[in-house]
Amino acid sequence: MKNHLKRVTSPKTWSLPRRERVFVTRPKPSGHPLSQGMPLGVVIRDMLHLASTMSEVKKVLNNKEILVDGKRRKDHRFFVGLFDTLSFPTLNQYYRISLDENSHLTLLPIKADEASLKLCKIVGKSVVPGGKVQFHLHDGRNVFARENSHVGDTVMLTLPDQKVQKAFPLKAGMMVFLDAGKKAGQKGMLHSVTAHEAVYMVDGQEINTVTKYLFVVGEKEPAVTISVKHSSS
């Protein structure tokens, strides 16, 4: 696999200057879709501006403790995806990867205690030996959760131990976030949902969408910080 990709062909969710350089680092394969994350090195250099070159990024990763979802990462190509948390303990800075309402990946500053919490959407499930139900999450993780959970529901994990703290079902009355489509980055209250279509409310207006774009993020309010405060809800 090539280690780079051309900037002009990188996902539209990557908010990068397209003509400044020819190439950009290609992330290593991950459970996240390419459009829902970026390489750790690019995040450090182009979003946080903690380094000016990728060589400097590599030195920072080797010399400083940088955590992704509670685990130290040293690979500049490590893929950081939607709702992953980044921690810089020595700087006392913590962030969550999200999408803004322009469908661009963004870094949201969060409190230290939030860096140990992560929302994950259930995208599949299977039965493993012993009869336990294993749930497959949007970021490639596999966990054991409540057996009454379903595909489309969301679980809140504690990091880095990956214990399920709470579950949020995909049903009317829940707060949802759109992780894909033309309205990606928007959040609102779910009004109704079927197998393939859903309606959610934003400022009293009904908006139709595809059910698979919905990411339940809480009950009446998001359970963790997933957007800037001035966003509509």
C-alpha atoms as a PDB file:
ATOM      1  CA  MET A   1       0.000   0.000   0.000  1.00  0.00           C
ATOM      2  CA  LYS A   2       1.231   3.512  -0.797  1.00  0.00           C
ATOM      3  CA  ASN A   3       2.210   5.692   2.150  1.00  0.00           C
ATOM      4  CA  HIS A   4       0.851   8.890   0.643  1.00  0.00           C
ATOM      5  CA  LEU A   5      -2.155  10.136  -1.267  1.00  0.00           C
ATOM      6  CA  LYS A   6      -2.613  13.306  -3.291  1.00  0.00           C
ATOM      7  CA  ARG A   7      -4.182  16.201  -1.448  1.00  0.00           C
ATOM      8  CA  VAL A   8      -6.569  16.962  -4.294  1.00  0.00           C
ATOM      9  CA  THR A   9      -8.067  13.475  -3.957  1.00  0.00           C
ATOM     10  CA  SER A  10      -8.173  13.379  -0.142  1.00  0.00           C
ATOM     11  CA  PRO A  11     -11.653  13.225   1.465  1.00  0.00           C
ATOM     12  CA  LYS A  12     -13.664  16.461   1.465  1.00  0.00           C
ATOM     13  CA  THR A  13     -13.993  16.130   5.219  1.00  0.00           C
ATOM     14  CA  TRP A  14     -10.256  16.853   5.535  1.00  0.00           C
ATOM     15  CA  SER A  15      -9.958  20.609   5.942  1.00  0.00           C
ATOM     16  CA  LEU A  16      -6.540  20.984   4.313  1.00  0.00           C
ATOM     17  CA  PRO A  17      -5.040  23.386   1.738  1.00  0.00           C
ATOM     18  CA  ARG A  18      -5.304  21.371  -1.472  1.00  0.00           C
ATOM     19  CA  ARG A  19      -2.592  23.165  -3.457  1.00  0.00           C
ATOM     20  CA  GLU A  20      -0.042  23.870  -0.761  1.00  0.00           C
ATOM     21  CA  ARG A  21       1.622  20.470  -1.210  1.00  0.00           C
ATOM     22  CA  VAL A  22       1.134  17.626  -3.646  1.00  0.00           C
ATOM     23  CA  PHE A  23       0.873  14.754  -1.192  1.00  0.00           C
ATOM     24  CA  VAL A  24      -0.474  14.085   2.281  1.00  0.00           C
ATOM     25  CA  THR A  25       0.199  11.168   4.629  1.00  0.00           C
ATOM     26  CA  ARG A  26      -2.059   8.175   4.063  1.00  0.00           C
ATOM     27  CA  PRO A  27      -3.400   6.700   7.333  1.00  0.00           C
ATOM     28  CA  LYS A  28      -3.006   3.053   8.165  1.00  0.00           C
ATOM     29  CA  PRO A  29      -6.126   0.889   7.728  1.00  0.00           C
ATOM     30  CA  SER A  30      -8.655   1.289  10.535  1.00  0.00           C
ATOM     31  CA  GLY A  31     -12.203   0.448  11.516  1.00  0.00           C
ATOM     32  CA  HIS A  32     -13.149   4.018  10.591  1.00  0.00           C
ATOM     33  CA  PRO A  33     -14.013   4.990   6.997  1.00  0.00           C
ATOM     34  CA  LEU A  34     -11.326   7.174   5.394  1.00  0.00           C
ATOM     35  CA  SER A  35     -13.733  10.132   5.321  1.00  0.00           C
ATOM     36  CA  GLN A  36     -14.295  10.010   9.092  1.00  0.00           C
ATOM     37  CA  GLY A  37     -10.753  10.484  10.323  1.00  0.00           C
ATOM     38  CA  MET A  38      -7.198  11.610   9.625  1.00  0.00           C
ATOM     39  CA  PRO A  39      -3.643  10.402  10.264  1.00  0.00           C
ATOM     40  CA  LEU A  40      -2.381  11.356  13.717  1.00  0.00           C
ATOM     41  CA  GLY A  41       0.605  13.157  12.200  1.00  0.00           C
ATOM     42  CA  VAL A  42      -1.614  15.369  10.050  1.00  0.00           C
ATOM     43  CA  VAL A  43      -3.788  16.203  13.061  1.00  0.00           C
ATOM     44  CA  ILE A  44      -0.721  17.280  15.065  1.00  0.00           C
ATOM     45  CA  ARG A  45       0.865  19.274  12.231  1.00  0.00           C
ATOM     46  CA  ASP A  46      -2.066  20.774  10.318  1.00  0.00           C
ATOM     47  CA  MET A  47      -4.843  21.008  12.907  1.00  0.00           C
ATOM     48  CA  LEU A  48      -3.034  21.578  16.207  1.00  0.00           C
ATOM     49  CA  HIS A  49       0.089  23.180  14.695  1.00  0.00           C
ATOM     50  CA  LEU A  50       2.336  21.567  17.294  1.00  0.00           C
ATOM     51  CA  ALA A  51       4.941  20.923  14.589  1.00  0.00           C
ATOM     52  CA  SER A  52       5.734  22.377  11.175  1.00  0.00           C
ATOM     53  CA  THR A  53       7.045  19.261   9.412  1.00  0.00           C
ATOM     54  CA  MET A  54       6.331  15.553   9.621  1.00  0.00           C
ATOM     55  CA  SER A  55       9.878  14.976  10.848  1.00  0.00           C
ATOM     56  CA  GLU A  56       9.115  17.204  13.822  1.00  0.00           C
ATOM     57  CA  VAL A  57       5.853  15.321  14.351  1.00  0.00           C
ATOM     58  CA  LYS A  58       7.741  12.024  14.600  1.00  0.00           C
ATOM     59  CA  LYS A  59      10.060  13.512  17.237  1.00  0.00           C
ATOM     60  CA  VAL A  60       7.085  14.797  19.213  1.00  0.00           C
ATOM     61  CA  LEU A  61       5.417  11.375  19.104  1.00  0.00           C
ATOM     62  CA  ASN A  62       8.593   9.661  20.288  1.00  0.00           C
ATOM     63  CA  ASN A  63       9.390  12.158  23.047  1.00  0.00           C
ATOM     64  CA  LYS A  64       5.971  13.177  24.339  1.00  0.00           C
ATOM     65  CA  GLU A  65       3.109  11.067  25.675  1.00  0.00           C
ATOM     66  CA  ILE A  66       0.234  11.442  23.208  1.00  0.00           C
ATOM     67  CA  LEU A  67      -2.818   9.297  23.878  1.00  0.00           C
ATOM     68  CA  VAL A  68      -5.578   8.259  21.502  1.00  0.00           C
ATOM     69  CA  ASP A  69      -8.543   6.758  23.344  1.00  0.00           C
ATOM     70  CA  GLY A  70      -6.361   6.409  26.422  1.00  0.00           C
ATOM     71  CA  LYS A  71      -3.507   4.530  24.755  1.00  0.00           C
ATOM     72  CA  ARG A  72      -0.147   5.977  23.773  1.00  0.00           C
ATOM     73  CA  ARG A  73       0.482   6.156  20.033  1.00  0.00           C
ATOM     74  CA  LYS A  74       3.822   6.786  18.326  1.00  0.00           C
ATOM     75  CA  ASP A  75       2.937   6.094  14.692  1.00  0.00           C
ATOM     76  CA  HIS A  76       2.301   9.284  12.671  1.00  0.00           C
ATOM     77  CA  ARG A  77       0.111   7.235  10.308  1.00  0.00           C
ATOM     78  CA  PHE A  78      -2.178   5.976  13.077  1.00  0.00           C
ATOM     79  CA  PHE A  79      -5.785   6.714  12.088  1.00  0.00           C
ATOM     80  CA  VAL A  80      -7.721   9.027  14.407  1.00  0.00           C
ATOM     81  CA  GLY A  81     -11.435   8.821  13.656  1.00  0.00           C
ATOM     82  CA  LEU A  82     -14.862  10.152  14.567  1.00  0.00           C
ATOM     83  CA  PHE A  83     -15.378  10.637  18.329  1.00  0.00           C
ATOM     84  CA  ASP A  84     -11.859   9.394  19.158  1.00  0.00           C
ATOM     85  CA  THR A  85     -10.236  11.327  22.006  1.00  0.00           C
ATOM     86  CA  LEU A  86      -6.740  12.844  21.921  1.00  0.00           C
ATOM     87  CA  SER A  87      -4.909  13.570  25.162  1.00  0.00           C
ATOM     88  CA  PHE A  88      -1.754  15.617  25.683  1.00  0.00           C
ATOM     89  CA  PRO A  89      -1.132  15.159  29.447  1.00  0.00           C
ATOM     90  CA  THR A  90       2.014  17.317  29.584  1.00  0.00           C
ATOM     91  CA  LEU A  91       0.114  20.208  27.956  1.00  0.00           C
ATOM     92  CA  ASN A  92      -3.100  19.500  29.863  1.00  0.00           C
ATOM     93  CA  GLN A  93      -4.988  19.562  26.571  1.00  0.00           C
ATOM     94  CA  TYR A  94      -7.739  17.160  25.527  1.00  0.00           C
ATOM     95  CA  TYR A  95      -9.740  16.940  22.310  1.00  0.00           C
ATOM     96  CA  ARG A  96     -12.455  14.925  20.593  1.00  0.00           C
ATOM     97  CA  ILE A  97     -12.617  14.388  16.820  1.00  0.00           C
ATOM     98  CA  SER A  98     -16.000  15.431  15.427  1.00  0.00           C
ATOM     99  CA  LEU A  99     -17.645  16.871  12.331  1.00  0.00           C
ATOM    100  CA  ASP A 100     -18.695  20.502  12.119  1.00  0.00           C
ATOM    101  CA  GLU A 101     -21.840  21.606  10.260  1.00  0.00           C
ATOM    102  CA  ASN A 102     -19.785  22.111   7.101  1.00  0.00           C
ATOM    103  CA  SER A 103     -19.015  18.364   7.207  1.00  0.00           C
ATOM    104  CA  HIS A 104     -15.348  19.017   8.001  1.00  0.00           C
ATOM    105  CA  LEU A 105     -13.437  17.086  10.632  1.00  0.00           C
ATOM    106  CA  THR A 106     -12.720  19.269  13.641  1.00  0.00           C
ATOM    107  CA  LEU A 107     -11.022  19.060  17.033  1.00  0.00           C
ATOM    108  CA  LEU A 108     -13.238  19.943  19.993  1.00  0.00           C
ATOM    109  CA  PRO A 109     -11.508  20.942  23.240  1.00  0.00           C
ATOM    110  CA  ILE A 110     -12.896  18.849  26.104  1.00  0.00           C
ATOM    111  CA  LYS A 111     -12.302  18.470  29.828  1.00  0.00           C
ATOM    112  CA  ALA A 112      -9.873  15.868  31.130  1.00  0.00           C
ATOM    113  CA  ASP A 113     -12.640  13.685  32.593  1.00  0.00           C
ATOM    114  CA  GLU A 114     -14.393  13.535  29.185  1.00  0.00           C
ATOM    115  CA  ALA A 115     -11.246  12.123  27.573  1.00  0.00           C
ATOM    116  CA  SER A 116     -12.008   8.824  29.305  1.00  0.00           C
ATOM    117  CA  LEU A 117     -15.466   8.541  27.715  1.00  0.00           C
ATOM    118  CA  LYS A 118     -16.342   7.624  24.143  1.00  0.00           C
ATOM    119  CA  LEU A 119     -19.581   7.084  22.222  1.00  0.00           C
ATOM    120  CA  CYS A 120     -19.590   4.172  19.774  1.00  0.00           C
ATOM    121  CA  LYS A 121     -22.358   3.182  17.379  1.00  0.00           C
ATOM    122  CA  ILE A 122     -23.252  -0.502  17.060  1.00  0.00           C
ATOM    123  CA  VAL A 123     -22.904  -1.428  13.385  1.00  0.00           C
ATOM    124  CA  GLY A 124     -23.197  -5.217  13.690  1.00  0.00           C
ATOM    125  CA  LYS A 125     -23.365  -8.131  16.100  1.00  0.00           C
ATOM    126  CA  SER A 126     -22.558 -11.822  16.228  1.00  0.00           C
ATOM    127  CA  VAL A 127     -22.765 -14.756  18.622  1.00  0.00           C
ATOM    128  CA  VAL A 128     -19.422 -16.083  19.849  1.00  0.00           C
ATOM    129  CA  PRO A 129     -18.659 -19.473  21.431  1.00  0.00           C
ATOM    130  CA  GLY A 130     -20.424 -19.693  24.750  1.00  0.00           C
ATOM    131  CA  GLY A 131     -23.527 -17.992  23.451  1.00  0.00           C
ATOM    132  CA  LYS A 132     -22.432 -14.438  24.246  1.00  0.00           C
ATOM    133  CA  VAL A 133     -23.480 -11.640  21.901  1.00  0.00           C
ATOM    134  CA  GLN A 134     -20.573  -9.582  20.607  1.00  0.00           C
ATOM    135  CA  PHE A 135     -21.245  -6.112  19.238  1.00  0.00           C
ATOM    136  CA  HIS A 136     -19.198  -4.577  16.427  1.00  0.00           C
ATOM    137  CA  LEU A 137     -18.690  -0.823  16.793  1.00  0.00           C
ATOM    138  CA  HIS A 138     -18.189   1.955  14.258  1.00  0.00           C
ATOM    139  CA  ASP A 139     -14.469   2.288  15.034  1.00  0.00           C
ATOM    140  CA  GLY A 140     -13.671  -1.402  14.589  1.00  0.00           C
ATOM    141  CA  ARG A 141     -13.909  -2.401  18.246  1.00  0.00           C
ATOM    142  CA  ASN A 142     -15.755  -5.481  19.465  1.00  0.00           C
ATOM    143  CA  VAL A 143     -17.380  -5.449  22.901  1.00  0.00           C
ATOM    144  CA  PHE A 144     -19.876  -7.387  24.974  1.00  0.00           C
ATOM    145  CA  ALA A 145     -22.855  -5.206  25.890  1.00  0.00           C
ATOM    146  CA  ARG A 146     -26.423  -5.626  26.996  1.00  0.00           C
ATOM    147  CA  GLU A 147     -28.113  -8.352  25.033  1.00  0.00           C
ATOM    148  CA  ASN A 148     -31.160  -6.150  24.430  1.00  0.00           C
ATOM    149  CA  SER A 149     -29.057  -3.655  22.444  1.00  0.00           C
ATOM    150  CA  HIS A 150     -29.534  -3.531  18.692  1.00  0.00           C
ATOM    151  CA  VAL A 151     -27.684  -2.442  15.581  1.00  0.00           C
ATOM    152  CA  GLY A 152     -27.993   1.337  15.360  1.00  0.00           C
ATOM    153  CA  ASP A 153     -27.905   1.846  19.136  1.00  0.00           C
ATOM    154  CA  THR A 154     -24.983   3.601  20.805  1.00  0.00           C
ATOM    155  CA  VAL A 155     -22.882   2.527  23.788  1.00  0.00           C
ATOM    156  CA  MET A 156     -20.748   4.756  25.982  1.00  0.00           C
ATOM    157  CA  LEU A 157     -17.356   3.226  26.758  1.00  0.00           C
ATOM    158  CA  THR A 158     -14.849   4.077  29.450  1.00  0.00           C
ATOM    159  CA  LEU A 159     -11.289   4.354  28.163  1.00  0.00           C
ATOM    160  CA  PRO A 160      -8.927   2.640  27.888  1.00  0.00           C
ATOM    161  CA  ASP A 161     -10.587  -0.408  29.511  1.00  0.00           C
ATOM    162  CA  GLN A 162     -13.508  -0.398  27.001  1.00  0.00           C
ATOM    163  CA  LYS A 163     -16.174  -1.122  29.604  1.00  0.00           C
ATOM    164  CA  VAL A 164     -19.748  -0.313  28.597  1.00  0.00           C
ATOM    165  CA  GLN A 165     -21.016   2.355  30.981  1.00  0.00           C
ATOM    166  CA  LYS A 166     -24.348   3.164  29.348  1.00  0.00           C
ATOM    167  CA  ALA A 167     -26.441   2.396  26.265  1.00  0.00           C
ATOM    168  CA  PHE A 168     -28.586   4.731  24.164  1.00  0.00           C
ATOM    169  CA  PRO A 169     -31.250   3.104  21.962  1.00  0.00           C
ATOM    170  CA  LEU A 170     -32.115   4.333  18.482  1.00  0.00           C
ATOM    171  CA  LYS A 171     -35.670   5.515  19.114  1.00  0.00           C
ATOM    172  CA  ALA A 172     -37.825   8.641  18.979  1.00  0.00           C
ATOM    173  CA  GLY A 173     -36.969  11.249  21.590  1.00  0.00           C
ATOM    174  CA  MET A 174     -33.207  10.630  21.547  1.00  0.00           C
ATOM    175  CA  MET A 175     -30.571  13.177  20.540  1.00  0.00           C
ATOM    176  CA  VAL A 176     -28.906  12.164  17.277  1.00  0.00           C
ATOM    177  CA  PHE A 177     -25.867  13.321  15.320  1.00  0.00           C
ATOM    178  CA  LEU A 178     -25.483  12.810  11.567  1.00  0.00           C
ATOM    179  CA  ASP A 179     -22.162  11.194  10.720  1.00  0.00           C
ATOM    180  CA  ALA A 180     -22.606  11.159   6.922  1.00  0.00           C
ATOM    181  CA  GLY A 181     -24.688  12.653   4.130  1.00  0.00           C
ATOM    182  CA  LYS A 182     -25.362  16.281   3.189  1.00  0.00           C
ATOM    183  CA  LYS A 183     -26.308  17.137   6.773  1.00  0.00           C
ATOM    184  CA  ALA A 184     -23.239  15.510   8.354  1.00  0.00           C
ATOM    185  CA  GLY A 185     -22.253  17.312  11.543  1.00  0.00           C
ATOM    186  CA  GLN A 186     -25.793  18.402  12.411  1.00  0.00           C
ATOM    187  CA  LYS A 187     -27.592  17.233  15.535  1.00  0.00           C
ATOM    188  CA  GLY A 188     -31.227  17.229  16.541  1.00  0.00           C
ATOM    189  CA  MET A 189     -34.004  15.365  18.318  1.00  0.00           C
ATOM    190  CA  LEU A 190     -35.154  12.151  16.659  1.00  0.00           C
ATOM    191  CA  HIS A 191     -38.868  12.376  15.835  1.00  0.00           C
ATOM    192  CA  SER A 192     -39.485   9.049  14.095  1.00  0.00           C
ATOM    193  CA  VAL A 193     -37.435   6.204  12.668  1.00  0.00           C
ATOM    194  CA  THR A 194     -38.010   3.168  10.441  1.00  0.00           C
ATOM    195  CA  ALA A 195     -35.628   0.579   9.038  1.00  0.00           C
ATOM    196  CA  HIS A 196     -34.398   2.901   6.287  1.00  0.00           C
ATOM    197  CA  GLU A 197     -35.750   6.424   6.851  1.00  0.00           C
ATOM    198  CA  ALA A 198     -35.909   8.813   9.794  1.00  0.00           C
ATOM    199  CA  VAL A 199     -37.108  12.289  10.722  1.00  0.00           C
ATOM    200  CA  TYR A 200     -35.352  14.514  13.239  1.00  0.00           C
ATOM    201  CA  MET A 201     -36.125  18.007  14.537  1.00  0.00           C
ATOM    202  CA  VAL A 202     -33.853  21.070  14.433  1.00  0.00           C
ATOM    203  CA  ASP A 203     -35.244  24.385  15.708  1.00  0.00           C
ATOM    204  CA  GLY A 204     -38.797  23.084  15.281  1.00  0.00           C
ATOM    205  CA  GLN A 205     -38.272  21.977  11.677  1.00  0.00           C
ATOM    206  CA  GLU A 206     -38.594  18.387  10.515  1.00  0.00           C
ATOM    207  CA  ILE A 207     -35.692  17.050   8.437  1.00  0.00           C
ATOM    208  CA  ASN A 208     -35.717  13.722   6.605  1.00  0.00           C
ATOM    209  CA  THR A 209     -32.624  11.572   6.445  1.00  0.00           C
ATOM    210  CA  VAL A 210     -31.415   7.998   6.021  1.00  0.00           C
ATOM    211  CA  THR A 211     -31.451   5.879   9.177  1.00  0.00           C
ATOM    212  CA  LYS A 212     -27.887   4.636   8.670  1.00  0.00           C
ATOM    213  CA  TYR A 213     -26.607   8.241   8.974  1.00  0.00           C
ATOM    214  CA  LEU A 214     -27.926   8.562  12.536  1.00  0.00           C
ATOM    215  CA  PHE A 215     -25.593   8.342  15.511  1.00  0.00           C
ATOM    216  CA  VAL A 216     -27.399   8.452  18.866  1.00  0.00           C
ATOM    217  CA  VAL A 217     -25.409  10.727  21.200  1.00  0.00           C
ATOM    218  CA  GLY A 218     -27.651  10.995  24.250  1.00  0.00           C
ATOM    219  CA  GLU A 219     -31.142  11.444  25.570  1.00  0.00           C
ATOM    220  CA  LYS A 220     -32.320  15.075  25.650  1.00  0.00           C
ATOM    221  CA  GLU A 221     -28.746  16.368  25.394  1.00  0.00           C
ATOM    222  CA  PRO A 222     -25.483  14.849  24.123  1.00  0.00           C
ATOM    223  CA  ALA A 223     -23.891  12.665  26.795  1.00  0.00           C
ATOM    224  CA  VAL A 224     -20.461  14.107  25.951  1.00  0.00           C
ATOM    225  CA  THR A 225     -19.192  17.107  24.001  1.00  0.00           C
ATOM    226  CA  ILE A 226     -19.713  16.336  20.300  1.00  0.00           C
ATOM    227  CA  SER A 227     -20.134  19.807  18.788  1.00  0.00           C
ATOM    228  CA  VAL A 228     -19.413  23.474  19.453  1.00  0.00           C
ATOM    229  CA  LYS A 229     -21.825  25.104  21.861  1.00  0.00           C
ATOM    230  CA  HIS A 230     -23.382  27.471  19.339  1.00  0.00           C
ATOM    231  CA  SER A 231     -24.608  24.592  17.131  1.00  0.00           C
ATOM    232  CA  SER A 232     -28.371  24.179  16.780  1.00  0.00           C
ATOM    233  CA  SER A 233     -30.015  21.537  18.909  1.00  0.00           C
END
